[in-house]
């Protein structure tokens, strides 16, 4: 049946969500107000490039829903709706946009390194934009007005280089993971 999930698809979604959780737990703490460095963006980019838009988007959605339900899948082994509604929750929700952009690019334009680099960079930039807007709104509501430049200096600028390195690694691995998934399907 077209549009339905096979058992293999559900297994891939589960494995991808587990990878996202593990990559969220791998973190380097930073002094407040900065959020820790994690490998979440690496996992989102890798999974969505390897899986394509449909399974990639579902993987990220399942990860977010698990976290919203209280399963400690977010950084710092945290979970709950409060994390999503907090100042940095917009970046987690923004992973859906990254998933869609990277997955659609992989499906439509292939998995060449230039396509992966461009789509992952665009996906993360869209995530930054959504997450920063969310941060400004929630921070202003809870603490007081904050300028966009201050929000960017706390939430984006420190992460540009690490995210660029994660994009390089994810784009290098995406074709291999996709190829391995294809071999598993053929077996």
N, C-alpha and C. Protein backbone atom coordinates (compact mmCIF):
# COMPACT_ATOMS: atom_id res chain seq x y z
N UNK A 1 0.85 -1.17 0.00
CA UNK A 1 0.00 0.00 0.00
C UNK A 1 0.90 1.24 0.00
N UNK A 2 0.65 2.14 -0.93
CA UNK A 2 1.46 3.34 -1.03
C UNK A 2 1.24 4.25 0.18
N UNK A 3 2.33 4.77 0.74
CA UNK A 3 2.23 5.68 1.87
C UNK A 3 2.27 4.98 3.21
N UNK A 4 2.13 3.66 3.24
CA UNK A 4 2.18 2.95 4.51
C UNK A 4 3.64 2.61 4.84
N UNK A 5 3.86 2.32 6.09
CA UNK A 5 5.21 1.98 6.54
C UNK A 5 5.38 0.47 6.58
N UNK A 6 6.54 0.03 6.16
CA UNK A 6 6.92 -1.37 6.30
C UNK A 6 7.63 -1.51 7.64
N UNK A 7 7.77 -2.73 8.09
CA UNK A 7 8.47 -2.98 9.35
C UNK A 7 9.90 -2.42 9.29
N UNK A 8 10.52 -2.54 8.13
CA UNK A 8 11.88 -2.02 7.95
C UNK A 8 11.91 -0.50 8.15
N UNK A 9 10.90 0.20 7.62
CA UNK A 9 10.82 1.66 7.78
C UNK A 9 10.72 2.03 9.25
N UNK A 10 9.87 1.31 9.98
CA UNK A 10 9.69 1.58 11.40
C UNK A 10 10.99 1.33 12.17
N UNK A 11 11.71 0.29 11.75
CA UNK A 11 13.00 0.01 12.39
C UNK A 11 14.00 1.14 12.12
N UNK A 12 14.02 1.63 10.88
CA UNK A 12 14.90 2.75 10.55
C UNK A 12 14.55 4.00 11.35
N UNK A 13 13.26 4.27 11.48
CA UNK A 13 12.82 5.43 12.26
C UNK A 13 13.27 5.28 13.71
N UNK A 14 13.07 4.10 14.26
CA UNK A 14 13.50 3.85 15.65
C UNK A 14 15.00 3.99 15.83
N UNK A 15 15.76 3.44 14.89
CA UNK A 15 17.23 3.56 14.96
C UNK A 15 17.66 5.01 14.82
N UNK A 16 17.03 5.74 13.91
CA UNK A 16 17.37 7.15 13.72
C UNK A 16 17.05 7.98 14.95
N UNK A 17 15.88 7.73 15.56
CA UNK A 17 15.52 8.46 16.77
C UNK A 17 16.48 8.13 17.91
N UNK A 18 16.90 6.87 17.99
CA UNK A 18 17.88 6.50 19.01
C UNK A 18 19.22 7.20 18.75
N UNK A 19 19.64 7.28 17.50
CA UNK A 19 20.87 7.99 17.17
C UNK A 19 20.77 9.47 17.56
N UNK A 20 19.63 10.08 17.29
CA UNK A 20 19.42 11.47 17.69
C UNK A 20 19.55 11.63 19.20
N UNK A 21 18.96 10.71 19.95
CA UNK A 21 19.05 10.80 21.41
C UNK A 21 20.49 10.65 21.89
N UNK A 22 21.19 9.67 21.37
CA UNK A 22 22.58 9.46 21.78
C UNK A 22 23.42 10.68 21.42
N UNK A 23 23.20 11.25 20.24
CA UNK A 23 23.95 12.43 19.83
C UNK A 23 23.57 13.66 20.66
N UNK A 24 22.37 13.70 21.20
CA UNK A 24 21.99 14.80 22.11
C UNK A 24 22.71 14.65 23.44
N UNK A 25 22.92 13.42 23.85
CA UNK A 25 23.58 13.18 25.14
C UNK A 25 25.08 13.45 25.08
N UNK A 26 25.66 13.37 23.88
CA UNK A 26 27.08 13.70 23.73
C UNK A 26 27.16 15.22 23.70
N UNK A 27 27.56 15.81 24.81
CA UNK A 27 27.54 17.27 24.88
C UNK A 27 28.74 17.81 25.63
N UNK A 28 29.10 19.00 25.25
CA UNK A 28 30.16 19.74 25.92
C UNK A 28 29.49 20.96 26.55
N UNK A 29 29.44 20.99 27.89
CA UNK A 29 28.76 22.12 28.54
C UNK A 29 29.51 23.43 28.32
N UNK A 30 28.74 24.49 28.22
CA UNK A 30 29.28 25.83 28.07
C UNK A 30 28.70 26.70 29.18
N UNK A 31 29.36 27.79 29.50
CA UNK A 31 28.83 28.66 30.56
C UNK A 31 27.52 29.32 30.11
N UNK A 32 26.61 29.55 31.06
CA UNK A 32 25.36 30.25 30.71
C UNK A 32 25.67 31.63 30.15
N UNK A 33 24.90 32.10 29.24
CA UNK A 33 23.61 31.60 28.78
C UNK A 33 23.71 30.64 27.61
N UNK A 34 24.91 30.17 27.26
CA UNK A 34 25.08 29.31 26.10
C UNK A 34 24.58 27.90 26.38
N UNK A 35 23.99 27.29 25.38
CA UNK A 35 23.57 25.89 25.45
C UNK A 35 24.80 25.03 25.17
N UNK A 36 24.79 23.78 25.61
CA UNK A 36 25.95 22.92 25.35
C UNK A 36 26.10 22.60 23.86
N UNK A 37 27.33 22.29 23.46
CA UNK A 37 27.55 21.74 22.12
C UNK A 37 27.07 20.30 22.16
N UNK A 38 26.29 19.90 21.16
CA UNK A 38 25.85 18.51 21.04
C UNK A 38 26.07 18.04 19.61
N UNK A 39 25.79 16.79 19.38
CA UNK A 39 25.88 16.24 18.03
C UNK A 39 24.50 16.07 17.38
N UNK A 40 23.49 16.74 17.92
CA UNK A 40 22.13 16.60 17.38
C UNK A 40 22.06 17.01 15.91
N UNK A 41 22.64 18.16 15.57
CA UNK A 41 22.55 18.61 14.18
C UNK A 41 23.26 17.63 13.24
N UNK A 42 24.35 17.04 13.70
CA UNK A 42 25.03 16.01 12.92
C UNK A 42 24.06 14.85 12.63
N UNK A 43 23.39 14.38 13.67
CA UNK A 43 22.48 13.24 13.52
C UNK A 43 21.30 13.58 12.62
N UNK A 44 20.72 14.76 12.79
CA UNK A 44 19.59 15.16 11.94
C UNK A 44 20.03 15.17 10.48
N UNK A 45 21.15 15.80 10.21
CA UNK A 45 21.63 15.89 8.82
C UNK A 45 21.96 14.51 8.25
N UNK A 46 22.65 13.69 9.02
CA UNK A 46 23.03 12.36 8.54
C UNK A 46 21.80 11.50 8.27
N UNK A 47 20.92 11.42 9.24
CA UNK A 47 19.74 10.56 9.10
C UNK A 47 18.87 11.00 7.93
N UNK A 48 18.64 12.29 7.81
CA UNK A 48 17.74 12.78 6.77
C UNK A 48 18.36 12.67 5.37
N UNK A 49 19.67 12.84 5.28
CA UNK A 49 20.34 12.66 3.99
C UNK A 49 20.32 11.19 3.59
N UNK A 50 20.50 10.31 4.55
CA UNK A 50 20.51 8.88 4.26
C UNK A 50 19.10 8.34 3.99
N UNK A 51 18.12 8.80 4.77
CA UNK A 51 16.77 8.25 4.68
C UNK A 51 15.90 8.93 3.63
N UNK A 52 16.17 10.19 3.32
CA UNK A 52 15.26 10.95 2.47
C UNK A 52 14.23 11.67 3.33
N UNK A 53 13.38 12.44 2.67
CA UNK A 53 12.50 13.34 3.41
C UNK A 53 11.45 12.61 4.24
N UNK A 54 10.85 11.57 3.70
CA UNK A 54 9.73 10.92 4.39
C UNK A 54 10.18 10.25 5.69
N UNK A 55 11.13 9.33 5.61
CA UNK A 55 11.59 8.65 6.82
C UNK A 55 12.38 9.60 7.71
N UNK A 56 13.12 10.53 7.11
CA UNK A 56 13.88 11.48 7.91
C UNK A 56 12.99 12.38 8.73
N UNK A 57 11.94 12.90 8.11
CA UNK A 57 11.01 13.76 8.82
C UNK A 57 10.29 12.99 9.93
N UNK A 58 9.88 11.77 9.65
CA UNK A 58 9.24 10.94 10.67
C UNK A 58 10.19 10.64 11.81
N UNK A 59 11.45 10.40 11.49
CA UNK A 59 12.44 10.12 12.53
C UNK A 59 12.57 11.30 13.49
N UNK A 60 12.70 12.49 12.94
CA UNK A 60 12.83 13.69 13.78
C UNK A 60 11.54 13.93 14.56
N UNK A 61 10.39 13.71 13.94
CA UNK A 61 9.11 13.89 14.63
C UNK A 61 8.98 12.92 15.80
N UNK A 62 9.36 11.66 15.58
CA UNK A 62 9.30 10.67 16.66
C UNK A 62 10.24 11.07 17.79
N UNK A 63 11.43 11.51 17.46
CA UNK A 63 12.39 11.97 18.47
C UNK A 63 11.78 13.10 19.31
N UNK A 64 11.19 14.09 18.63
CA UNK A 64 10.60 15.23 19.34
C UNK A 64 9.41 14.77 20.19
N UNK A 65 8.58 13.90 19.65
CA UNK A 65 7.43 13.40 20.41
C UNK A 65 7.87 12.59 21.63
N UNK A 66 8.91 11.80 21.49
CA UNK A 66 9.45 11.07 22.65
C UNK A 66 9.89 12.04 23.73
N UNK A 67 10.61 13.07 23.32
CA UNK A 67 11.05 14.08 24.28
C UNK A 67 9.89 14.81 24.92
N UNK A 68 8.89 15.15 24.11
CA UNK A 68 7.71 15.85 24.64
C UNK A 68 6.96 14.98 25.65
N UNK A 69 6.99 13.67 25.43
CA UNK A 69 6.31 12.74 26.34
C UNK A 69 7.09 12.52 27.64
N UNK A 70 8.28 13.11 27.73
CA UNK A 70 9.05 12.99 28.96
C UNK A 70 10.21 12.02 28.90
N UNK A 71 10.37 11.33 27.79
CA UNK A 71 11.51 10.43 27.66
C UNK A 71 12.76 11.30 27.58
N UNK A 72 13.79 11.01 28.34
CA UNK A 72 14.97 11.90 28.41
C UNK A 72 15.89 11.79 27.19
N UNK A 73 15.40 12.23 26.04
CA UNK A 73 16.16 12.12 24.80
C UNK A 73 16.89 13.41 24.43
N UNK A 74 16.59 14.51 25.12
CA UNK A 74 17.23 15.78 24.80
C UNK A 74 18.56 15.90 25.54
N UNK A 75 19.32 16.93 25.22
CA UNK A 75 20.64 17.10 25.85
C UNK A 75 20.48 17.15 27.37
N UNK A 76 21.49 16.67 28.05
CA UNK A 76 21.45 16.63 29.50
C UNK A 76 20.50 15.57 30.03
N UNK A 77 20.14 14.60 29.21
CA UNK A 77 19.20 13.53 29.59
C UNK A 77 17.89 14.13 30.11
N UNK A 78 17.40 15.13 29.39
CA UNK A 78 16.15 15.79 29.79
C UNK A 78 15.05 15.46 28.80
N UNK A 79 13.84 15.62 29.23
CA UNK A 79 12.67 15.44 28.39
C UNK A 79 11.52 16.24 28.96
N UNK A 80 10.43 16.28 28.24
CA UNK A 80 9.24 16.97 28.70
C UNK A 80 8.90 18.15 27.81
N UNK A 81 7.64 18.52 27.85
CA UNK A 81 7.15 19.63 27.04
C UNK A 81 7.83 20.93 27.44
N UNK A 82 8.19 21.05 28.72
CA UNK A 82 8.85 22.26 29.20
C UNK A 82 10.13 22.57 28.45
N UNK A 83 10.85 21.56 28.04
CA UNK A 83 12.08 21.77 27.25
C UNK A 83 11.72 22.38 25.89
N UNK A 84 10.68 21.83 25.28
CA UNK A 84 10.27 22.33 23.97
C UNK A 84 9.71 23.75 24.05
N UNK A 85 9.06 24.07 25.15
CA UNK A 85 8.47 25.40 25.30
C UNK A 85 9.47 26.41 25.87
N UNK A 86 10.66 25.95 26.24
CA UNK A 86 11.69 26.82 26.78
C UNK A 86 12.40 27.61 25.69
N UNK A 87 13.39 28.36 26.10
CA UNK A 87 14.08 29.25 25.16
C UNK A 87 14.75 28.52 24.01
N UNK A 88 15.28 27.34 24.25
CA UNK A 88 15.97 26.63 23.17
C UNK A 88 15.10 25.59 22.47
N UNK A 89 13.84 25.49 22.86
CA UNK A 89 12.95 24.52 22.22
C UNK A 89 12.74 24.76 20.75
N UNK A 90 12.84 26.00 20.32
CA UNK A 90 12.67 26.32 18.90
C UNK A 90 13.73 25.68 18.02
N UNK A 91 14.91 25.48 18.56
CA UNK A 91 15.95 24.82 17.78
C UNK A 91 15.62 23.35 17.60
N UNK A 92 15.05 22.72 18.63
CA UNK A 92 14.64 21.32 18.50
C UNK A 92 13.50 21.20 17.50
N UNK A 93 12.50 22.06 17.60
CA UNK A 93 11.40 22.06 16.63
C UNK A 93 11.94 22.38 15.24
N UNK A 94 12.93 23.26 15.17
CA UNK A 94 13.55 23.62 13.89
C UNK A 94 14.21 22.46 13.18
N UNK A 95 14.52 21.39 13.94
CA UNK A 95 15.08 20.20 13.29
C UNK A 95 14.12 19.64 12.24
N UNK A 96 12.83 19.87 12.43
CA UNK A 96 11.84 19.41 11.42
C UNK A 96 12.09 20.08 10.08
N UNK A 97 12.40 21.38 10.10
CA UNK A 97 12.69 22.10 8.87
C UNK A 97 13.99 21.59 8.24
N UNK A 98 14.99 21.36 9.09
CA UNK A 98 16.25 20.81 8.60
C UNK A 98 16.01 19.46 7.95
N UNK A 99 15.22 18.63 8.60
CA UNK A 99 14.92 17.30 8.08
C UNK A 99 14.25 17.38 6.71
N UNK A 100 13.30 18.26 6.59
CA UNK A 100 12.58 18.41 5.33
C UNK A 100 13.51 18.90 4.22
N UNK A 101 14.32 19.90 4.51
CA UNK A 101 15.22 20.47 3.49
C UNK A 101 16.26 19.44 3.06
N UNK A 102 16.92 18.81 4.02
CA UNK A 102 17.98 17.85 3.70
C UNK A 102 17.39 16.62 3.02
N UNK A 103 16.27 16.12 3.54
CA UNK A 103 15.66 14.93 2.95
C UNK A 103 15.14 15.16 1.54
N UNK A 104 14.49 16.30 1.31
CA UNK A 104 14.01 16.60 -0.04
C UNK A 104 15.17 16.76 -1.02
N UNK A 105 16.23 17.43 -0.58
CA UNK A 105 17.40 17.59 -1.46
C UNK A 105 17.99 16.24 -1.83
N UNK A 106 18.09 15.35 -0.85
CA UNK A 106 18.64 14.02 -1.12
C UNK A 106 17.76 13.26 -2.11
N UNK A 107 16.45 13.34 -1.93
CA UNK A 107 15.53 12.63 -2.82
C UNK A 107 15.47 13.24 -4.22
N UNK A 108 15.48 14.56 -4.29
CA UNK A 108 15.32 15.23 -5.58
C UNK A 108 16.61 15.40 -6.36
N UNK A 109 17.71 15.69 -5.65
CA UNK A 109 18.96 16.04 -6.33
C UNK A 109 20.07 15.03 -6.11
N UNK A 110 19.84 14.00 -5.35
CA UNK A 110 20.84 12.97 -5.12
C UNK A 110 21.67 13.25 -3.88
N UNK A 111 22.63 12.40 -3.67
CA UNK A 111 23.43 12.46 -2.45
C UNK A 111 24.89 12.79 -2.73
N UNK A 112 25.11 13.61 -3.72
CA UNK A 112 26.49 14.04 -3.97
C UNK A 112 26.91 14.95 -2.83
N UNK A 113 28.21 15.02 -2.61
CA UNK A 113 28.72 15.85 -1.51
C UNK A 113 28.30 17.31 -1.67
N UNK A 114 28.40 17.92 -2.86
CA UNK A 114 27.95 19.32 -2.96
C UNK A 114 26.47 19.52 -2.61
N UNK A 115 25.61 18.59 -3.04
CA UNK A 115 24.18 18.69 -2.71
C UNK A 115 23.99 18.56 -1.21
N UNK A 116 24.68 17.61 -0.60
CA UNK A 116 24.53 17.40 0.83
C UNK A 116 25.05 18.61 1.62
N UNK A 117 26.20 19.12 1.23
CA UNK A 117 26.75 20.29 1.93
C UNK A 117 25.80 21.48 1.85
N UNK A 118 25.30 21.75 0.66
CA UNK A 118 24.40 22.90 0.47
C UNK A 118 23.08 22.71 1.22
N UNK A 119 22.49 21.53 1.13
CA UNK A 119 21.20 21.31 1.78
C UNK A 119 21.33 21.31 3.30
N UNK A 120 22.40 20.73 3.80
CA UNK A 120 22.60 20.71 5.25
C UNK A 120 22.86 22.13 5.78
N UNK A 121 23.65 22.90 5.05
CA UNK A 121 23.91 24.28 5.47
C UNK A 121 22.61 25.08 5.46
N UNK A 122 21.81 24.94 4.40
CA UNK A 122 20.53 25.64 4.33
C UNK A 122 19.60 25.16 5.44
N UNK A 123 19.54 23.88 5.65
CA UNK A 123 18.67 23.33 6.70
C UNK A 123 19.02 23.85 8.08
N UNK A 124 20.31 23.91 8.37
CA UNK A 124 20.73 24.40 9.68
C UNK A 124 20.49 25.91 9.79
N UNK A 125 20.69 26.63 8.69
CA UNK A 125 20.40 28.08 8.73
C UNK A 125 18.92 28.35 9.00
N UNK A 126 18.05 27.56 8.39
CA UNK A 126 16.61 27.71 8.64
C UNK A 126 16.30 27.35 10.10
N UNK A 127 16.93 26.31 10.60
CA UNK A 127 16.77 25.94 12.01
C UNK A 127 17.24 27.07 12.92
N UNK A 128 18.39 27.67 12.60
CA UNK A 128 18.88 28.83 13.36
C UNK A 128 17.86 29.96 13.36
N UNK A 129 17.32 30.26 12.20
CA UNK A 129 16.36 31.37 12.08
C UNK A 129 15.12 31.10 12.92
N UNK A 130 14.56 29.91 12.79
CA UNK A 130 13.36 29.56 13.55
C UNK A 130 13.67 29.54 15.04
N UNK A 131 14.76 28.87 15.41
CA UNK A 131 15.12 28.75 16.82
C UNK A 131 15.45 30.09 17.46
N UNK A 132 16.11 30.97 16.73
CA UNK A 132 16.45 32.28 17.28
C UNK A 132 15.21 33.15 17.46
N UNK A 133 14.30 33.10 16.50
CA UNK A 133 13.04 33.84 16.66
C UNK A 133 12.29 33.33 17.89
N UNK A 134 12.23 32.03 18.04
CA UNK A 134 11.59 31.41 19.20
C UNK A 134 12.29 31.86 20.48
N UNK A 135 13.62 31.81 20.48
CA UNK A 135 14.41 32.21 21.65
C UNK A 135 14.08 33.64 22.07
N UNK A 136 14.06 34.55 21.11
CA UNK A 136 13.79 35.96 21.40
C UNK A 136 12.41 36.12 22.01
N UNK A 137 11.42 35.45 21.45
CA UNK A 137 10.04 35.56 21.95
C UNK A 137 9.94 35.02 23.38
N UNK A 138 10.46 33.81 23.61
CA UNK A 138 10.35 33.19 24.93
C UNK A 138 11.20 33.95 25.96
N UNK A 139 12.41 34.32 25.58
CA UNK A 139 13.28 35.05 26.50
C UNK A 139 12.66 36.39 26.88
N UNK A 140 12.11 37.10 25.90
CA UNK A 140 11.48 38.40 26.17
C UNK A 140 10.28 38.23 27.09
N UNK A 141 9.49 37.19 26.85
CA UNK A 141 8.32 36.94 27.69
C UNK A 141 8.71 36.59 29.13
N UNK A 142 9.77 35.79 29.29
CA UNK A 142 10.15 35.30 30.61
C UNK A 142 11.12 36.21 31.37
N UNK A 143 12.00 36.89 30.66
CA UNK A 143 13.08 37.62 31.31
C UNK A 143 13.07 39.11 31.03
N UNK A 144 12.74 39.47 29.83
CA UNK A 144 12.77 40.87 29.41
C UNK A 144 13.28 40.96 27.99
N UNK A 145 13.16 42.13 27.44
CA UNK A 145 13.53 42.32 26.03
C UNK A 145 14.99 41.97 25.79
N UNK A 146 15.23 41.42 24.63
CA UNK A 146 16.59 41.05 24.20
C UNK A 146 16.72 41.42 22.73
N UNK A 147 17.86 41.91 22.35
CA UNK A 147 18.10 42.24 20.96
C UNK A 147 18.43 41.01 20.14
N UNK A 148 18.17 41.09 18.86
CA UNK A 148 18.44 39.96 17.98
C UNK A 148 19.94 39.68 17.92
N UNK A 149 20.76 40.71 17.91
CA UNK A 149 22.21 40.50 17.87
C UNK A 149 22.69 39.78 19.13
N UNK A 150 22.14 40.12 20.27
CA UNK A 150 22.50 39.42 21.51
C UNK A 150 22.07 37.97 21.42
N UNK A 151 20.86 37.73 20.94
CA UNK A 151 20.38 36.35 20.79
C UNK A 151 21.28 35.56 19.84
N UNK A 152 21.66 36.18 18.74
CA UNK A 152 22.56 35.50 17.80
C UNK A 152 23.91 35.22 18.44
N UNK A 153 24.40 36.14 19.25
CA UNK A 153 25.71 35.93 19.88
C UNK A 153 25.66 34.82 20.92
N UNK A 154 24.49 34.57 21.48
CA UNK A 154 24.34 33.47 22.44
C UNK A 154 23.99 32.15 21.77
N UNK A 155 23.19 32.21 20.71
CA UNK A 155 22.55 31.00 20.18
C UNK A 155 23.05 30.54 18.81
N UNK A 156 23.76 31.39 18.09
CA UNK A 156 24.15 31.00 16.73
C UNK A 156 25.66 31.12 16.54
N UNK A 157 26.22 32.29 16.77
CA UNK A 157 27.63 32.52 16.44
C UNK A 157 28.58 31.49 17.06
N UNK A 158 28.40 31.10 18.34
CA UNK A 158 29.33 30.11 18.90
C UNK A 158 29.24 28.73 18.25
N UNK A 159 28.15 28.47 17.53
CA UNK A 159 27.89 27.14 16.99
C UNK A 159 28.18 27.02 15.50
N UNK A 160 28.54 28.13 14.85
CA UNK A 160 28.76 28.11 13.41
C UNK A 160 29.88 27.15 13.02
N UNK A 161 31.03 27.26 13.63
CA UNK A 161 32.15 26.38 13.28
C UNK A 161 31.87 24.93 13.65
N UNK A 162 31.41 24.64 14.87
CA UNK A 162 31.09 23.23 15.16
C UNK A 162 30.05 22.64 14.22
N UNK A 163 29.02 23.44 13.88
CA UNK A 163 28.00 22.92 12.96
C UNK A 163 28.57 22.73 11.56
N UNK A 164 29.48 23.58 11.15
CA UNK A 164 30.13 23.39 9.84
C UNK A 164 30.90 22.07 9.83
N UNK A 165 31.58 21.76 10.91
CA UNK A 165 32.31 20.49 11.00
C UNK A 165 31.35 19.30 11.01
N UNK A 166 30.22 19.46 11.67
CA UNK A 166 29.22 18.38 11.70
C UNK A 166 28.63 18.17 10.31
N UNK A 167 28.42 19.26 9.58
CA UNK A 167 27.91 19.15 8.21
C UNK A 167 28.91 18.40 7.33
N UNK A 168 30.18 18.72 7.46
CA UNK A 168 31.21 18.02 6.68
C UNK A 168 31.19 16.52 6.98
N UNK A 169 31.13 16.18 8.26
CA UNK A 169 31.12 14.76 8.64
C UNK A 169 29.85 14.06 8.16
N UNK A 170 28.71 14.71 8.34
CA UNK A 170 27.44 14.09 7.94
C UNK A 170 27.37 13.90 6.43
N UNK A 171 27.85 14.89 5.67
CA UNK A 171 27.80 14.77 4.21
C UNK A 171 28.75 13.68 3.72
N UNK A 172 29.86 13.51 4.42
CA UNK A 172 30.80 12.45 4.04
C UNK A 172 30.23 11.07 4.33
N UNK A 173 29.42 10.94 5.36
CA UNK A 173 28.88 9.63 5.75
C UNK A 173 27.54 9.30 5.11
N UNK A 174 26.80 10.30 4.67
CA UNK A 174 25.42 10.09 4.23
C UNK A 174 25.30 9.09 3.08
N UNK A 175 26.16 9.20 2.10
CA UNK A 175 26.08 8.28 0.96
C UNK A 175 26.35 6.86 1.40
N UNK A 176 27.32 6.69 2.29
CA UNK A 176 27.67 5.35 2.76
C UNK A 176 26.51 4.73 3.55
N UNK A 177 25.91 5.51 4.43
CA UNK A 177 24.79 5.01 5.23
C UNK A 177 23.62 4.67 4.31
N UNK A 178 23.34 5.54 3.33
CA UNK A 178 22.27 5.26 2.38
C UNK A 178 22.54 3.98 1.60
N UNK A 179 23.79 3.81 1.20
CA UNK A 179 24.18 2.62 0.47
C UNK A 179 24.01 1.36 1.32
N UNK A 180 24.41 1.43 2.58
CA UNK A 180 24.25 0.29 3.49
C UNK A 180 22.78 -0.03 3.72
N UNK A 181 21.95 1.00 3.84
CA UNK A 181 20.51 0.78 4.00
C UNK A 181 19.93 0.11 2.77
N UNK A 182 20.41 0.51 1.60
CA UNK A 182 19.95 -0.11 0.36
C UNK A 182 20.33 -1.58 0.28
N UNK A 183 21.54 -1.91 0.73
CA UNK A 183 21.98 -3.31 0.75
C UNK A 183 21.15 -4.13 1.74
N UNK A 184 20.79 -3.51 2.87
CA UNK A 184 19.97 -4.21 3.85
C UNK A 184 18.58 -4.50 3.27
N UNK A 185 18.05 -3.57 2.48
CA UNK A 185 16.74 -3.77 1.87
C UNK A 185 16.78 -4.90 0.84
N UNK A 186 17.89 -5.01 0.13
CA UNK A 186 18.01 -6.02 -0.92
C UNK A 186 18.18 -7.42 -0.32
N UNK A 187 18.69 -7.49 0.90
CA UNK A 187 18.96 -8.81 1.52
C UNK A 187 17.70 -9.48 2.00
